[in-house]
Protein backbone atom coordinates (compact mmCIF):
# COMPACT_ATOMS: atom_id res chain seq x y z
CA MET A 1 0.00 0.00 0.00
CA PHE A 2 1.25 3.45 -0.82
CA GLU A 3 0.63 6.89 0.67
CA VAL A 4 0.78 10.08 -1.36
CA TYR A 5 1.91 13.26 0.38
CA PRO A 6 2.84 16.71 -0.92
CA PHE A 7 6.42 17.88 -0.87
CA VAL A 8 7.23 21.55 -1.48
CA THR A 9 10.55 22.55 -3.05
CA GLY A 10 10.93 26.19 -3.87
CA SER A 11 7.92 27.28 -5.87
CA THR A 12 6.77 23.85 -7.09
CA LEU A 13 4.60 21.34 -5.38
CA THR A 14 5.75 17.76 -5.86
CA LEU A 15 3.84 14.66 -4.91
CA ARG A 16 5.90 11.89 -3.46
CA ILE A 17 4.83 8.31 -2.93
CA ARG A 18 5.93 6.60 0.21
CA ARG A 19 5.42 2.93 0.87
CA ALA A 20 3.07 2.36 3.79
CA ARG A 21 3.80 -0.20 6.40
CA SER A 22 3.06 -3.67 5.03
CA ARG A 23 1.85 -4.99 8.37
CA ASP A 24 -1.53 -3.32 7.83
CA THR A 25 -2.44 -5.38 4.74
CA ARG A 26 -0.61 -8.64 5.31
CA GLY A 27 -2.86 -11.60 4.33
CA GLN A 28 -5.57 -9.51 2.69
CA ALA A 29 -5.14 -11.09 -0.75
CA LEU A 30 -5.25 -14.57 0.75
CA VAL A 31 -8.53 -13.85 2.53
CA GLU A 32 -10.08 -12.37 -0.62
CA PHE A 33 -8.91 -15.37 -2.64
CA ALA A 34 -10.38 -17.77 -0.07
CA LEU A 35 -13.74 -15.98 -0.29
CA VAL A 36 -13.91 -15.86 -4.09
CA MET A 37 -12.40 -19.24 -5.01
CA PRO A 38 -15.36 -21.50 -4.03
CA ILE A 39 -17.73 -19.37 -6.09
CA LEU A 40 -15.43 -19.52 -9.12
CA VAL A 41 -15.00 -23.29 -8.81
CA LEU A 42 -18.78 -23.78 -8.56
CA ILE A 43 -19.32 -21.66 -11.68
CA MET A 44 -16.66 -23.61 -13.59
CA LEU A 45 -18.13 -26.97 -12.53
CA GLY A 46 -21.61 -25.77 -13.51
CA VAL A 47 -20.42 -24.75 -16.96
CA MET A 48 -18.73 -28.12 -17.42
CA GLN A 49 -21.79 -30.07 -16.20
CA PHE A 50 -24.26 -28.24 -18.42
CA GLY A 51 -21.88 -28.59 -21.37
CA ILE A 52 -21.80 -32.36 -20.86
CA LEU A 53 -25.60 -32.47 -20.54
CA PHE A 54 -26.13 -30.44 -23.73
CA TRP A 55 -23.63 -32.59 -25.62
CA THR A 56 -25.36 -35.76 -24.43
CA GLN A 57 -28.83 -34.40 -25.35
CA ILE A 58 -27.65 -33.51 -28.86
CA THR A 59 -26.08 -36.96 -29.28
CA LEU A 60 -29.24 -38.69 -28.01
CA THR A 61 -31.35 -36.63 -30.43
CA GLN A 62 -29.09 -37.67 -33.31
CA ILE A 63 -29.36 -41.33 -32.27
CA ALA A 64 -33.16 -40.98 -32.22
CA ARG A 65 -33.12 -39.41 -35.69
CA ASP A 66 -30.89 -42.11 -37.13
CA THR A 67 -33.04 -44.82 -35.53
CA GLY A 68 -36.18 -43.09 -36.85
CA ARG A 69 -34.81 -43.09 -40.38
CA TRP A 70 -34.12 -46.81 -40.04
CA VAL A 71 -37.56 -47.58 -38.56
CA SER A 72 -39.35 -45.63 -41.28
CA THR A 73 -37.87 -47.91 -43.95
CA GLN A 74 -38.67 -51.26 -42.28
CA THR A 75 -41.34 -53.50 -43.75
CA TRP A 76 -42.57 -55.27 -40.62
CA SER A 77 -46.24 -54.94 -39.73
CA CYS A 78 -47.01 -51.54 -38.27
CA ALA A 79 -50.03 -52.73 -36.36
CA PRO A 80 -49.85 -51.68 -32.71
CA VAL A 81 -49.79 -55.34 -31.67
CA ALA A 82 -46.44 -56.01 -33.34
CA ALA A 83 -44.53 -57.06 -30.24
CA THR A 84 -41.15 -57.29 -31.91
CA ALA A 85 -41.16 -53.72 -33.22
CA GLY A 86 -40.21 -52.22 -29.84
CA THR A 87 -37.37 -54.69 -29.33
CA GLN A 88 -36.03 -54.07 -32.81
CA VAL A 89 -36.16 -50.28 -32.37
CA SER A 90 -34.37 -50.51 -29.01
CA THR A 91 -31.71 -52.83 -30.44
CA GLN A 92 -31.10 -50.55 -33.42
CA ALA A 93 -30.87 -47.46 -31.17
CA ASN A 94 -28.23 -49.17 -29.01
CA LEU A 95 -26.26 -50.27 -32.08
CA ILE A 96 -26.18 -46.64 -33.22
CA ALA A 97 -25.32 -45.44 -29.70
CA GLN A 98 -22.43 -47.89 -29.56
CA ARG A 99 -20.84 -46.18 -32.55
CA SER A 100 -21.54 -42.66 -31.28
CA THR A 101 -20.06 -40.54 -28.51
CA LEU A 102 -23.03 -40.83 -26.15
CA PHE A 103 -21.80 -39.94 -22.67
CA GLY A 104 -22.45 -42.61 -20.07
CA TRP A 105 -23.56 -45.27 -22.57
CA GLY A 106 -22.55 -48.84 -21.84
CA ALA A 107 -23.85 -52.32 -21.25
CA GLY A 108 -25.07 -51.27 -17.81
CA ASN A 109 -26.64 -48.04 -19.06
CA PRO A 110 -28.16 -48.60 -22.53
CA VAL A 111 -30.49 -46.34 -24.46
CA GLY A 112 -34.07 -47.29 -23.63
CA LEU A 113 -37.29 -47.07 -25.60
CA SER A 114 -39.59 -45.12 -23.29
CA ALA A 115 -42.57 -44.81 -25.66
CA GLY A 116 -43.59 -46.35 -28.95
CA PRO A 117 -43.15 -47.12 -31.66
CA THR A 118 -46.57 -45.74 -32.52
CA TYR A 119 -47.85 -45.89 -36.08
CA THR A 120 -50.40 -43.37 -37.30
CA ALA A 121 -52.20 -43.40 -40.64
CA VAL A 122 -52.72 -39.93 -42.07
CA ILE A 123 -54.08 -41.04 -45.47
CA GLY A 124 -54.77 -44.56 -46.62
CA VAL A 125 -55.04 -47.85 -44.83
CA LEU A 126 -52.06 -49.87 -46.10
CA CYS A 127 -49.10 -50.45 -43.86
CA PRO A 128 -46.34 -50.14 -44.80
CA PRO A 129 -47.30 -47.85 -47.68
CA ASP A 130 -47.14 -49.26 -51.19
CA ASP A 131 -46.47 -45.88 -52.79
CA ASN A 132 -45.97 -42.26 -51.81
CA GLN A 133 -49.72 -41.58 -51.86
CA GLU A 134 -50.41 -43.35 -48.55
CA ILE A 135 -48.94 -41.55 -45.54
CA TRP A 136 -48.02 -43.35 -42.35
CA ASN A 137 -46.00 -41.84 -39.53
CA VAL A 138 -44.00 -43.68 -36.93
CA SER A 139 -43.07 -42.02 -33.65
CA PHE A 140 -41.18 -43.16 -30.57
CA GLU A 141 -39.22 -41.76 -27.65
CA LEU A 142 -35.73 -42.76 -26.49
CA SER A 143 -34.42 -42.20 -22.97
CA HIS A 144 -30.97 -42.31 -21.41
CA THR A 145 -29.62 -41.59 -17.92
CA VAL A 146 -26.44 -39.58 -17.58
CA PRO A 147 -24.17 -39.61 -14.53
CA VAL A 148 -23.74 -36.09 -13.10
CA PHE A 149 -21.35 -34.68 -10.51
CA LEU A 150 -23.45 -31.73 -9.31
CA PRO A 151 -26.28 -32.91 -7.03
CA PHE A 152 -28.65 -30.04 -7.86
CA VAL A 153 -28.69 -31.15 -11.52
CA ALA A 154 -29.72 -34.75 -10.76
CA THR A 155 -33.31 -35.87 -11.33
CA ASN A 156 -33.13 -38.87 -8.99
CA GLY A 157 -32.15 -37.01 -5.81
CA CYS A 158 -28.77 -38.78 -5.88
CA ALA A 159 -30.21 -42.01 -4.49
CA GLY A 160 -27.69 -44.62 -5.54
CA GLY A 161 -25.62 -42.13 -7.57
CA CYS A 162 -26.45 -38.80 -9.12
CA GLU A 163 -28.11 -39.19 -12.53
CA ARG A 164 -30.05 -37.02 -14.94
CA ALA A 165 -32.69 -38.55 -17.24
CA LEU A 166 -32.73 -37.28 -20.84
CA THR A 167 -35.33 -38.07 -23.51
CA SER A 168 -35.70 -37.44 -27.22
CA GLU A 169 -38.86 -37.96 -29.26
CA VAL A 170 -38.98 -38.30 -33.05
CA GLN A 171 -41.63 -38.76 -35.72
CA PHE A 172 -40.88 -39.91 -39.26
CA ARG A 173 -42.93 -40.55 -42.35
CA MET A 174 -42.77 -44.18 -43.40
CA GLU A 175 -41.48 -44.76 -46.90
CA PRO A 176 -42.66 -47.43 -49.30
CA ALA A 177 -40.66 -50.62 -49.67
CA PRO A 178 -38.04 -50.36 -52.41
């Protein structure tokens, strides 16, 4: 810390700086750092956590889109009673997730089919469509749980590990068989 005091020499006024005693401010920077550091670390961890969550949501959405494109070209029966359709959609989504960069994906934490597939006829009654005049849509929803390190981001209350559930829903127009 410095003190400024006037010094008169002849007809001019000069300001001189004199170093103040350092005992008065010893440890001040350390105390300020100790007060600010936890806040800065929390902000940095929050930015990292939300970045990971956004990345995972974008990847899950891309997996759902790729799976939707695949489902819309399949020729199995699109009646709601087709029991194998859900298993095939889930298997295809996990095959795509295996080749992607989905955070937290593994054998113990696969992508799940949380809704669907649901088939809806807009025009026509044939399924799958024979030509581009009949319109059928298929929709489904994928879900995935992501491990998180900030407890206030978790959706499970951190019971058995902090996790956040993410979902992505898609709807595609079914295409006729080639």
